[in-house]
Protein backbone atom coordinates (compact mmCIF):
# COMPACT_ATOMS: atom_id res chain seq x y z
CA TYR A 1 9.89 18.96 12.88
CA LEU A 2 7.22 16.91 11.26
CA THR A 3 6.90 14.55 14.16
CA GLU A 4 2.96 15.36 14.21
CA LEU A 5 2.18 14.99 10.51
CA GLN A 6 -0.79 12.79 9.82
CA LYS A 7 -1.12 13.28 6.35
CA LEU A 8 1.44 13.39 3.50
CA SER A 9 0.10 13.91 -0.17
CA CYS A 10 2.51 14.19 -2.85
CA TYR A 11 -0.29 13.04 -5.47
CA THR A 12 0.58 14.14 -9.11
CA THR A 13 3.81 15.76 -8.34
CA GLN A 14 7.41 15.49 -9.67
CA ILE A 15 8.60 13.68 -6.76
CA SER A 16 10.70 10.52 -7.36
CA SER A 17 11.66 9.32 -3.84
CA LEU A 18 10.29 9.19 -0.19
CA PRO A 19 12.40 9.44 3.05
CA ASP A 20 13.48 6.20 4.40
CA THR A 21 11.82 6.97 7.53
CA LEU A 22 8.25 8.51 7.85
CA PRO A 23 6.77 10.17 10.84
CA GLY A 24 5.29 7.90 13.31
CA SER A 25 2.17 9.83 13.46
CA LEU A 26 1.46 9.56 9.65
CA GLN A 27 -2.01 8.06 8.96
CA LEU A 28 -2.30 8.70 5.18
CA LEU A 29 0.40 8.41 2.56
CA SER A 30 -0.75 9.31 -0.97
CA CYS A 31 1.97 9.20 -3.30
CA SER A 32 0.04 8.14 -6.39
CA ASN A 33 0.89 9.22 -9.89
CA THR A 34 4.36 10.10 -9.27
CA GLN A 35 7.68 8.75 -10.21
CA ILE A 36 8.37 7.15 -6.92
CA SER A 37 9.84 3.49 -7.14
CA LYS A 38 10.32 2.56 -3.65
CA LEU A 39 8.43 2.77 -0.35
CA PRO A 40 10.33 2.91 2.99
CA ASP A 41 11.23 -0.60 4.29
CA THR A 42 9.11 0.09 7.40
CA LEU A 43 5.76 2.03 7.32
CA PRO A 44 4.50 3.93 10.53
CA ASP A 45 2.42 1.76 12.90
CA SER A 46 -0.19 4.63 12.63
CA LEU A 47 -0.76 4.55 8.87
CA GLN A 48 -4.30 3.76 7.90
CA GLY A 49 -4.31 4.43 4.15
CA LEU A 50 -1.58 3.85 1.55
CA TYR A 51 -2.31 5.16 -1.91
CA CYS A 52 0.52 4.34 -4.31
CA HIS A 53 -1.38 3.74 -7.62
CA ASN A 54 0.22 4.76 -10.89
CA THR A 55 3.88 4.81 -9.57
CA GLN A 56 6.98 2.74 -10.41
CA ILE A 57 6.94 0.81 -7.01
CA SER A 58 7.76 -2.77 -7.54
CA LYS A 59 7.58 -3.93 -3.71
CA LEU A 60 5.58 -3.33 -0.66
CA PRO A 61 7.27 -3.62 2.66
CA ASP A 62 7.57 -7.17 4.07
CA THR A 63 5.16 -6.16 6.91
CA LEU A 64 2.33 -3.79 6.52
CA PRO A 65 1.05 -1.85 9.82
CA ASP A 66 -1.72 -3.56 11.69
CA SER A 67 -3.61 -0.03 11.54
CA LEU A 68 -3.76 -0.22 7.54
CA ARG A 69 -7.30 0.07 6.30
CA GLN A 70 -6.91 1.07 2.65
CA LEU A 71 -4.24 -0.50 0.33
CA TYR A 72 -4.56 1.24 -3.12
CA CYS A 73 -1.61 0.06 -5.37
CA GLY A 74 -3.08 -0.76 -8.74
CA ASP A 75 -1.14 0.19 -12.02
CA THR A 76 2.24 -0.58 -10.26
CA GLN A 77 4.91 -3.05 -10.80
CA ILE A 78 4.42 -5.05 -7.59
CA SER A 79 4.77 -8.62 -8.32
CA LYS A 80 3.82 -10.16 -4.62
CA LEU A 81 2.16 -9.16 -1.53
CA PRO A 82 3.42 -9.45 2.05
CA ASP A 83 3.23 -12.98 3.67
CA THR A 84 0.65 -11.45 6.05
CA LEU A 85 -2.02 -8.76 5.21
CA PRO A 86 -3.52 -6.84 8.13
CA ASN A 87 -6.84 -7.79 9.41
CA SER A 88 -7.66 -4.06 9.62
CA LEU A 89 -7.85 -3.84 5.68
CA THR A 90 -11.24 -2.91 4.40
CA TYR A 91 -10.01 -2.05 0.95
CA ILE A 92 -7.41 -3.64 -1.29
CA ASN A 93 -6.69 -2.65 -5.09
CA ILE A 94 -3.83 -4.36 -7.11
CA GLN A 95 -5.58 -4.24 -10.22
CA ARG A 96 -3.19 -4.07 -13.24
CA THR A 97 -0.10 -5.15 -11.55
CA PRO A 98 2.04 -8.24 -12.18
CA ALA A 99 0.92 -9.59 -8.75
CA ALA A 100 -2.86 -9.74 -9.92
CA LYS A 101 -1.81 -12.32 -12.55
CA VAL A 102 -0.26 -14.83 -10.07
CA PRO A 103 -2.43 -17.48 -9.18
CA ALA A 104 -1.22 -17.81 -5.62
CA VAL A 105 -1.77 -14.12 -4.89
CA ARG A 106 -5.13 -14.41 -6.32
CA LYS A 107 -6.10 -17.07 -4.12
CA ARG A 108 -4.74 -15.45 -1.13
CA LEU A 109 -6.98 -12.50 -1.96
CA LYS A 110 -10.11 -14.69 -2.47
CA GLU A 111 -9.40 -16.26 0.95
CA PHE A 112 -8.93 -12.75 2.52
CA LYS A 113 -12.26 -11.71 1.02
CA GLU A 114 -14.04 -14.94 2.28
CA ALA A 115 -12.66 -14.00 5.87
CA HIS A 116 -13.45 -10.56 5.65
CA PRO A 117 -16.63 -10.29 3.69
CA ASN A 118 -17.06 -6.67 4.30
CA ALA A 119 -13.72 -5.77 2.66
CA THR A 120 -13.31 -4.37 -1.02
CA VAL A 121 -10.80 -6.63 -2.78
CA LEU A 122 -9.99 -5.83 -6.37
CA PHE A 123 -7.37 -7.66 -8.47
């Protein structure tokens, strides 16, 4: 019954988990300032914005959708990034995360910024 849902915002709520499968039409997921500790293993191909800052999330999905433009996951427990970042990303924020302190992650983000000079990359 939520097959056409485009935006899901549970920002600053008491929610602690998300469904394993999100609607394929979803373009924006905002679950910041919640007790969520896990994202679904697969995010919808249509997702353009993922806002999960200030949560207990420790891992991003292994693959991020090619449509993703904004990834805001600062103040989380993530310690690494997926092997490939979508070229569509125009904003990445992993400030105040364990991943931001990892030299290999910092190097990858610097290289991403060099390849995508219009992108905002914060770590």
